[in-house]
């Protein structure tokens, strides 16, 4: 169930945390609900059944250690949040309602997206320093203007959509790729003949760190999509 992307090997992921208004995209974008099972008593089957009661498919459920993640329609997510708070009052519940960054293949690559996608969902923290957080967000506010090579890298890698959410210091990154492909296969294409992306990655790595329960030396953690047995 565990899968970790080391920040040294996949430092590119820092470049995803870019600021954009996303007004049109967020209207049709799923939200994320994170349930941290602090007492480790919620079985997978119970989460699946609970979500199905709110018309949320099991393919929308992800997990890492004791972190459950549901990526679904905002209306369903809000209803589910209320129910989970009542059912599991000892759990830590975090809502990531709207992304602050949206990359769209159709909009930024002028290319029609493929019909079927797989989603790769990851999480990391911003560093605790508030001044650095502000500098980080400001740095990204002008990314499309000053660092257009980043979006070009996403286009080259056949990314269909990239969304970044934030709740406090914690970030959630959703990378949508053609179904059947893997991020490990596509990710290197973002930096091919694109040294500015490597430069951007090195800068962004200074602003991110792993969660408190992440393995030592790791920054980005990848959630695994659960399967019904």
C-alpha atoms as a PDB file:
ATOM      1  CA  UNK A   1       0.000   0.000   0.000  1.00  0.00           C
ATOM      2  CA  UNK A   2       2.910   2.335   0.592  1.00  0.00           C
ATOM      3  CA  UNK A   3       4.568   4.192  -2.215  1.00  0.00           C
ATOM      4  CA  UNK A   4       6.980   7.068  -1.797  1.00  0.00           C
ATOM      5  CA  UNK A   5       8.452   9.411  -4.391  1.00  0.00           C
ATOM      6  CA  UNK A   6      11.809  10.629  -3.141  1.00  0.00           C
ATOM      7  CA  UNK A   7      12.225  14.376  -3.500  1.00  0.00           C
ATOM      8  CA  UNK A   8      15.667  13.931  -5.033  1.00  0.00           C
ATOM      9  CA  UNK A   9      14.455  11.607  -7.784  1.00  0.00           C
ATOM     10  CA  UNK A  10      11.212  13.416  -8.495  1.00  0.00           C
ATOM     11  CA  UNK A  11      12.156  16.972  -7.661  1.00  0.00           C
ATOM     12  CA  UNK A  12      10.211  17.949 -10.753  1.00  0.00           C
ATOM     13  CA  UNK A  13       7.034  17.713  -8.727  1.00  0.00           C
ATOM     14  CA  UNK A  14       7.846  21.061  -7.168  1.00  0.00           C
ATOM     15  CA  UNK A  15       7.079  22.779 -10.422  1.00  0.00           C
ATOM     16  CA  UNK A  16       3.446  21.758 -10.216  1.00  0.00           C
ATOM     17  CA  UNK A  17       2.711  24.165  -7.384  1.00  0.00           C
ATOM     18  CA  UNK A  18       1.856  27.113  -9.535  1.00  0.00           C
ATOM     19  CA  UNK A  19      -0.646  29.866  -8.896  1.00  0.00           C
ATOM     20  CA  UNK A  20      -3.575  30.468 -11.216  1.00  0.00           C
ATOM     21  CA  UNK A  21      -7.138  31.654 -10.709  1.00  0.00           C
ATOM     22  CA  UNK A  22      -8.756  28.508 -12.200  1.00  0.00           C
ATOM     23  CA  UNK A  23     -12.204  30.094 -12.041  1.00  0.00           C
ATOM     24  CA  UNK A  24     -13.716  28.239 -14.982  1.00  0.00           C
ATOM     25  CA  UNK A  25     -12.022  24.926 -14.217  1.00  0.00           C
ATOM     26  CA  UNK A  26     -12.902  24.733 -10.515  1.00  0.00           C
ATOM     27  CA  UNK A  27     -16.590  24.818 -11.310  1.00  0.00           C
ATOM     28  CA  UNK A  28     -16.316  21.295 -12.716  1.00  0.00           C
ATOM     29  CA  UNK A  29     -13.335  20.031 -10.702  1.00  0.00           C
ATOM     30  CA  UNK A  30     -13.613  17.362  -7.975  1.00  0.00           C
ATOM     31  CA  UNK A  31     -12.727  18.184  -4.382  1.00  0.00           C
ATOM     32  CA  UNK A  32     -10.557  16.154  -2.007  1.00  0.00           C
ATOM     33  CA  UNK A  33     -11.489  14.885   1.444  1.00  0.00           C
ATOM     34  CA  UNK A  34      -8.683  13.529   3.608  1.00  0.00           C
ATOM     35  CA  UNK A  35      -9.545  11.396   6.637  1.00  0.00           C
ATOM     36  CA  UNK A  36      -6.620  10.731   8.959  1.00  0.00           C
ATOM     37  CA  UNK A  37      -7.545   7.677  10.990  1.00  0.00           C
ATOM     38  CA  UNK A  38      -5.751   8.626  14.207  1.00  0.00           C
ATOM     39  CA  UNK A  39      -6.878   5.480  16.021  1.00  0.00           C
ATOM     40  CA  UNK A  40      -6.416   3.083  13.080  1.00  0.00           C
ATOM     41  CA  UNK A  41      -9.773   1.369  13.398  1.00  0.00           C
ATOM     42  CA  UNK A  42     -11.484   2.140  10.069  1.00  0.00           C
ATOM     43  CA  UNK A  43     -11.331  -0.916   7.751  1.00  0.00           C
ATOM     44  CA  UNK A  44     -11.187  -0.509   3.986  1.00  0.00           C
ATOM     45  CA  UNK A  45     -14.503  -2.274   3.478  1.00  0.00           C
ATOM     46  CA  UNK A  46     -16.209   0.192   5.794  1.00  0.00           C
ATOM     47  CA  UNK A  47     -14.842   3.171   3.875  1.00  0.00           C
ATOM     48  CA  UNK A  48     -16.035   1.670   0.577  1.00  0.00           C
ATOM     49  CA  UNK A  49     -19.519   1.003   1.956  1.00  0.00           C
ATOM     50  CA  UNK A  50     -19.705   4.434   3.547  1.00  0.00           C
ATOM     51  CA  UNK A  51     -18.761   6.176   0.296  1.00  0.00           C
ATOM     52  CA  UNK A  52     -21.194   4.090  -1.763  1.00  0.00           C
ATOM     53  CA  UNK A  53     -24.039   5.417   0.381  1.00  0.00           C
ATOM     54  CA  UNK A  54     -23.192   8.846  -1.024  1.00  0.00           C
ATOM     55  CA  UNK A  55     -22.859   7.621  -4.621  1.00  0.00           C
ATOM     56  CA  UNK A  56     -19.065   7.805  -4.535  1.00  0.00           C
ATOM     57  CA  UNK A  57     -17.397   5.025  -6.521  1.00  0.00           C
ATOM     58  CA  UNK A  58     -14.663   2.972  -4.877  1.00  0.00           C
ATOM     59  CA  UNK A  59     -12.283   4.022  -7.670  1.00  0.00           C
ATOM     60  CA  UNK A  60     -12.352   7.493  -6.111  1.00  0.00           C
ATOM     61  CA  UNK A  61     -10.822   6.240  -2.843  1.00  0.00           C
ATOM     62  CA  UNK A  62      -7.074   6.354  -2.158  1.00  0.00           C
ATOM     63  CA  UNK A  63      -4.941   5.484   0.845  1.00  0.00           C
ATOM     64  CA  UNK A  64      -1.489   5.928   2.372  1.00  0.00           C
ATOM     65  CA  UNK A  65      -0.792   4.517   5.826  1.00  0.00           C
ATOM     66  CA  UNK A  66      -3.697   5.785   7.960  1.00  0.00           C
ATOM     67  CA  UNK A  67      -4.626   8.560   5.525  1.00  0.00           C
ATOM     68  CA  UNK A  68      -7.811   7.929   3.525  1.00  0.00           C
ATOM     69  CA  UNK A  69      -8.462  10.137   0.513  1.00  0.00           C
ATOM     70  CA  UNK A  70     -11.683  10.617  -1.443  1.00  0.00           C
ATOM     71  CA  UNK A  71     -11.508  12.503  -4.760  1.00  0.00           C
ATOM     72  CA  UNK A  72     -15.026  13.210  -5.957  1.00  0.00           C
ATOM     73  CA  UNK A  73     -17.737  15.692  -6.886  1.00  0.00           C
ATOM     74  CA  UNK A  74     -17.763  18.674  -4.460  1.00  0.00           C
ATOM     75  CA  UNK A  75     -21.466  18.210  -3.650  1.00  0.00           C
ATOM     76  CA  UNK A  76     -20.931  14.575  -2.682  1.00  0.00           C
ATOM     77  CA  UNK A  77     -17.736  15.432  -0.802  1.00  0.00           C
ATOM     78  CA  UNK A  78     -19.461  18.018   1.375  1.00  0.00           C
ATOM     79  CA  UNK A  79     -22.215  15.568   2.307  1.00  0.00           C
ATOM     80  CA  UNK A  80     -19.662  12.853   2.999  1.00  0.00           C
ATOM     81  CA  UNK A  81     -17.611  15.190   5.199  1.00  0.00           C
ATOM     82  CA  UNK A  82     -20.565  15.840   7.491  1.00  0.00           C
ATOM     83  CA  UNK A  83     -21.366  12.141   7.736  1.00  0.00           C
ATOM     84  CA  UNK A  84     -17.763  11.122   8.465  1.00  0.00           C
ATOM     85  CA  UNK A  85     -17.428  13.788  11.149  1.00  0.00           C
ATOM     86  CA  UNK A  86     -20.445  12.274  12.857  1.00  0.00           C
ATOM     87  CA  UNK A  87     -19.461   8.654  12.309  1.00  0.00           C
ATOM     88  CA  UNK A  88     -15.742   9.011  13.168  1.00  0.00           C
ATOM     89  CA  UNK A  89     -15.449  11.971  15.565  1.00  0.00           C
ATOM     90  CA  UNK A  90     -11.892  11.028  16.584  1.00  0.00           C
ATOM     91  CA  UNK A  91     -10.552  11.267  13.032  1.00  0.00           C
ATOM     92  CA  UNK A  92      -8.769  14.300  11.614  1.00  0.00           C
ATOM     93  CA  UNK A  93     -10.698  15.527   8.573  1.00  0.00           C
ATOM     94  CA  UNK A  94      -9.249  17.936   6.008  1.00  0.00           C
ATOM     95  CA  UNK A  95     -11.172  19.395   3.079  1.00  0.00           C
ATOM     96  CA  UNK A  96      -9.444  20.556  -0.105  1.00  0.00           C
ATOM     97  CA  UNK A  97     -12.342  22.233  -1.810  1.00  0.00           C
ATOM     98  CA  UNK A  98     -10.876  24.148  -4.754  1.00  0.00           C
ATOM     99  CA  UNK A  99      -7.459  24.002  -6.436  1.00  0.00           C
ATOM    100  CA  UNK A 100      -5.315  27.105  -6.510  1.00  0.00           C
ATOM    101  CA  UNK A 101      -3.580  25.855  -9.645  1.00  0.00           C
ATOM    102  CA  UNK A 102      -5.123  24.292 -12.739  1.00  0.00           C
ATOM    103  CA  UNK A 103      -3.256  23.092 -15.809  1.00  0.00           C
ATOM    104  CA  UNK A 104      -5.538  21.969 -18.638  1.00  0.00           C
ATOM    105  CA  UNK A 105      -4.250  20.230 -21.745  1.00  0.00           C
ATOM    106  CA  UNK A 106      -7.039  21.713 -23.824  1.00  0.00           C
ATOM    107  CA  UNK A 107      -6.369  25.248 -22.588  1.00  0.00           C
ATOM    108  CA  UNK A 108      -2.581  25.304 -22.269  1.00  0.00           C
ATOM    109  CA  UNK A 109      -1.535  22.883 -25.020  1.00  0.00           C
ATOM    110  CA  UNK A 110      -4.335  23.640 -27.471  1.00  0.00           C
ATOM    111  CA  UNK A 111      -4.815  19.893 -27.732  1.00  0.00           C
ATOM    112  CA  UNK A 112      -7.872  17.719 -27.246  1.00  0.00           C
ATOM    113  CA  UNK A 113      -7.595  15.579 -24.082  1.00  0.00           C
ATOM    114  CA  UNK A 114      -7.892  11.808 -24.244  1.00  0.00           C
ATOM    115  CA  UNK A 115     -11.148  10.184 -23.192  1.00  0.00           C
ATOM    116  CA  UNK A 116      -9.951   8.090 -20.209  1.00  0.00           C
ATOM    117  CA  UNK A 117      -7.637   9.281 -17.435  1.00  0.00           C
ATOM    118  CA  UNK A 118      -5.826   7.856 -14.446  1.00  0.00           C
ATOM    119  CA  UNK A 119      -5.187  10.159 -11.483  1.00  0.00           C
ATOM    120  CA  UNK A 120      -1.967  10.226  -9.475  1.00  0.00           C
ATOM    121  CA  UNK A 121      -2.489  11.962  -6.127  1.00  0.00           C
ATOM    122  CA  UNK A 122       0.375  13.122  -3.902  1.00  0.00           C
ATOM    123  CA  UNK A 123       0.847  15.193  -0.778  1.00  0.00           C
ATOM    124  CA  UNK A 124       3.588  17.268   0.852  1.00  0.00           C
ATOM    125  CA  UNK A 125       3.922  20.269   3.154  1.00  0.00           C
ATOM    126  CA  UNK A 126       5.117  23.779   2.590  1.00  0.00           C
ATOM    127  CA  UNK A 127       7.890  24.783   4.978  1.00  0.00           C
ATOM    128  CA  UNK A 128       6.699  26.336   8.239  1.00  0.00           C
ATOM    129  CA  UNK A 129       8.205  29.765   7.592  1.00  0.00           C
ATOM    130  CA  UNK A 130       5.294  32.064   6.686  1.00  0.00           C
ATOM    131  CA  UNK A 131       7.483  34.515   4.815  1.00  0.00           C
ATOM    132  CA  UNK A 132       8.738  31.675   2.617  1.00  0.00           C
ATOM    133  CA  UNK A 133       5.177  30.510   2.034  1.00  0.00           C
ATOM    134  CA  UNK A 134       4.190  33.980   0.878  1.00  0.00           C
ATOM    135  CA  UNK A 135       7.267  34.227  -1.312  1.00  0.00           C
ATOM    136  CA  UNK A 136       6.479  30.803  -2.746  1.00  0.00           C
ATOM    137  CA  UNK A 137       2.936  31.770  -3.717  1.00  0.00           C
ATOM    138  CA  UNK A 138       4.072  35.070  -5.178  1.00  0.00           C
ATOM    139  CA  UNK A 139       6.791  33.279  -7.103  1.00  0.00           C
ATOM    140  CA  UNK A 140       4.125  31.098  -8.682  1.00  0.00           C
ATOM    141  CA  UNK A 141       1.678  33.875  -9.337  1.00  0.00           C
ATOM    142  CA  UNK A 142       3.726  34.942 -12.357  1.00  0.00           C
ATOM    143  CA  UNK A 143       4.839  31.458 -13.420  1.00  0.00           C
ATOM    144  CA  UNK A 144       2.917  31.289 -16.681  1.00  0.00           C
ATOM    145  CA  UNK A 145       4.326  34.630 -17.695  1.00  0.00           C
ATOM    146  CA  UNK A 146       7.927  34.182 -16.555  1.00  0.00           C
ATOM    147  CA  UNK A 147       8.332  30.389 -16.703  1.00  0.00           C
ATOM    148  CA  UNK A 148       6.233  29.200 -19.681  1.00  0.00           C
ATOM    149  CA  UNK A 149       8.601  26.269 -20.087  1.00  0.00           C
ATOM    150  CA  UNK A 150       6.895  24.529 -17.151  1.00  0.00           C
ATOM    151  CA  UNK A 151       3.536  24.299 -18.933  1.00  0.00           C
ATOM    152  CA  UNK A 152       5.362  23.276 -22.093  1.00  0.00           C
ATOM    153  CA  UNK A 153       6.903  20.415 -20.132  1.00  0.00           C
ATOM    154  CA  UNK A 154       3.473  19.249 -19.017  1.00  0.00           C
ATOM    155  CA  UNK A 155       2.319  19.289 -22.629  1.00  0.00           C
ATOM    156  CA  UNK A 156       5.354  17.278 -23.737  1.00  0.00           C
ATOM    157  CA  UNK A 157       4.666  14.692 -21.030  1.00  0.00           C
ATOM    158  CA  UNK A 158       1.066  14.211 -22.182  1.00  0.00           C
ATOM    159  CA  UNK A 159      -0.362  15.378 -18.856  1.00  0.00           C
ATOM    160  CA  UNK A 160      -4.100  15.893 -19.276  1.00  0.00           C
ATOM    161  CA  UNK A 161      -4.644  17.991 -16.168  1.00  0.00           C
ATOM    162  CA  UNK A 162      -2.669  19.099 -13.125  1.00  0.00           C
ATOM    163  CA  UNK A 163      -4.415  20.439 -10.028  1.00  0.00           C
ATOM    164  CA  UNK A 164      -2.915  21.649  -6.762  1.00  0.00           C
ATOM    165  CA  UNK A 165      -4.930  22.158  -3.581  1.00  0.00           C
ATOM    166  CA  UNK A 166      -3.856  23.674  -0.272  1.00  0.00           C
ATOM    167  CA  UNK A 167      -5.137  23.393   3.288  1.00  0.00           C
ATOM    168  CA  UNK A 168      -2.887  25.233   5.722  1.00  0.00           C
ATOM    169  CA  UNK A 169       0.621  24.028   4.991  1.00  0.00           C
ATOM    170  CA  UNK A 170      -0.456  20.773   3.380  1.00  0.00           C
ATOM    171  CA  UNK A 171      -0.589  20.468  -0.391  1.00  0.00           C
ATOM    172  CA  UNK A 172      -2.468  17.963  -2.534  1.00  0.00           C
ATOM    173  CA  UNK A 173      -1.294  17.404  -6.096  1.00  0.00           C
ATOM    174  CA  UNK A 174      -3.440  15.610  -8.699  1.00  0.00           C
ATOM    175  CA  UNK A 175      -1.796  14.676 -11.998  1.00  0.00           C
ATOM    176  CA  UNK A 176      -4.140  13.210 -14.615  1.00  0.00           C
ATOM    177  CA  UNK A 177      -2.523  11.086 -17.320  1.00  0.00           C
ATOM    178  CA  UNK A 178      -3.835   8.849 -20.121  1.00  0.00           C
ATOM    179  CA  UNK A 179      -5.292   5.638 -18.722  1.00  0.00           C
ATOM    180  CA  UNK A 180      -2.762   2.817 -18.814  1.00  0.00           C
ATOM    181  CA  UNK A 181       0.263   5.128 -18.698  1.00  0.00           C
ATOM    182  CA  UNK A 182       2.458   5.671 -15.634  1.00  0.00           C
ATOM    183  CA  UNK A 183       3.919   8.830 -14.152  1.00  0.00           C
ATOM    184  CA  UNK A 184       7.342   7.215 -14.069  1.00  0.00           C
ATOM    185  CA  UNK A 185       7.096   6.759 -17.835  1.00  0.00           C
ATOM    186  CA  UNK A 186       5.844  10.261 -18.647  1.00  0.00           C
ATOM    187  CA  UNK A 187       7.505  12.459 -16.038  1.00  0.00           C
ATOM    188  CA  UNK A 188      11.017  12.544 -17.574  1.00  0.00           C
ATOM    189  CA  UNK A 189       9.573  14.111 -20.736  1.00  0.00           C
ATOM    190  CA  UNK A 190       8.864  17.340 -18.850  1.00  0.00           C
ATOM    191  CA  UNK A 191      12.578  18.135 -18.708  1.00  0.00           C
ATOM    192  CA  UNK A 192      13.688  16.796 -22.091  1.00  0.00           C
ATOM    193  CA  UNK A 193      15.470  19.638 -23.922  1.00  0.00           C
ATOM    194  CA  UNK A 194      13.973  21.910 -21.260  1.00  0.00           C
ATOM    195  CA  UNK A 195      16.677  23.055 -18.805  1.00  0.00           C
ATOM    196  CA  UNK A 196      14.522  25.866 -17.435  1.00  0.00           C
ATOM    197  CA  UNK A 197      12.234  23.281 -15.869  1.00  0.00           C
ATOM    198  CA  UNK A 198      15.189  21.731 -14.067  1.00  0.00           C
ATOM    199  CA  UNK A 199      16.105  25.190 -12.800  1.00  0.00           C
ATOM    200  CA  UNK A 200      12.541  25.772 -11.619  1.00  0.00           C
ATOM    201  CA  UNK A 201      12.481  22.403  -9.834  1.00  0.00           C
ATOM    202  CA  UNK A 202      15.646  23.193  -7.920  1.00  0.00           C
ATOM    203  CA  UNK A 203      14.169  26.485  -6.708  1.00  0.00           C
ATOM    204  CA  UNK A 204      10.824  24.977  -5.700  1.00  0.00           C
ATOM    205  CA  UNK A 205      12.439  22.178  -3.735  1.00  0.00           C
ATOM    206  CA  UNK A 206      13.505  24.765  -1.147  1.00  0.00           C
ATOM    207  CA  UNK A 207       9.884  25.483  -0.234  1.00  0.00           C
ATOM    208  CA  UNK A 208       8.608  21.944   0.359  1.00  0.00           C
ATOM    209  CA  UNK A 209       9.063  19.246   2.988  1.00  0.00           C
ATOM    210  CA  UNK A 210       7.499  15.925   3.910  1.00  0.00           C
ATOM    211  CA  UNK A 211       4.557  15.379   6.234  1.00  0.00           C
ATOM    212  CA  UNK A 212       5.301  14.700   9.877  1.00  0.00           C
ATOM    213  CA  UNK A 213       4.714  10.950   9.362  1.00  0.00           C
ATOM    214  CA  UNK A 214       6.533  10.696   6.025  1.00  0.00           C
ATOM    215  CA  UNK A 215       9.688   8.568   5.812  1.00  0.00           C
ATOM    216  CA  UNK A 216      12.914  10.425   6.534  1.00  0.00           C
ATOM    217  CA  UNK A 217      14.349  12.120   3.465  1.00  0.00           C
ATOM    218  CA  UNK A 218      11.113  12.015   1.458  1.00  0.00           C
ATOM    219  CA  UNK A 219       8.987  14.977   0.433  1.00  0.00           C
ATOM    220  CA  UNK A 220       6.140  13.864  -1.843  1.00  0.00           C
ATOM    221  CA  UNK A 221       4.019  10.888  -0.802  1.00  0.00           C
ATOM    222  CA  UNK A 222       1.894   9.044  -3.356  1.00  0.00           C
ATOM    223  CA  UNK A 223      -1.538   7.718  -2.408  1.00  0.00           C
ATOM    224  CA  UNK A 224      -2.502   4.283  -3.703  1.00  0.00           C
ATOM    225  CA  UNK A 225      -5.902   3.754  -5.311  1.00  0.00           C
ATOM    226  CA  UNK A 226      -7.680   1.065  -3.323  1.00  0.00           C
ATOM    227  CA  UNK A 227      -9.173  -2.023  -4.947  1.00  0.00           C
ATOM    228  CA  UNK A 228     -12.123  -4.146  -3.923  1.00  0.00           C
ATOM    229  CA  UNK A 229     -11.136  -7.745  -3.302  1.00  0.00           C
END
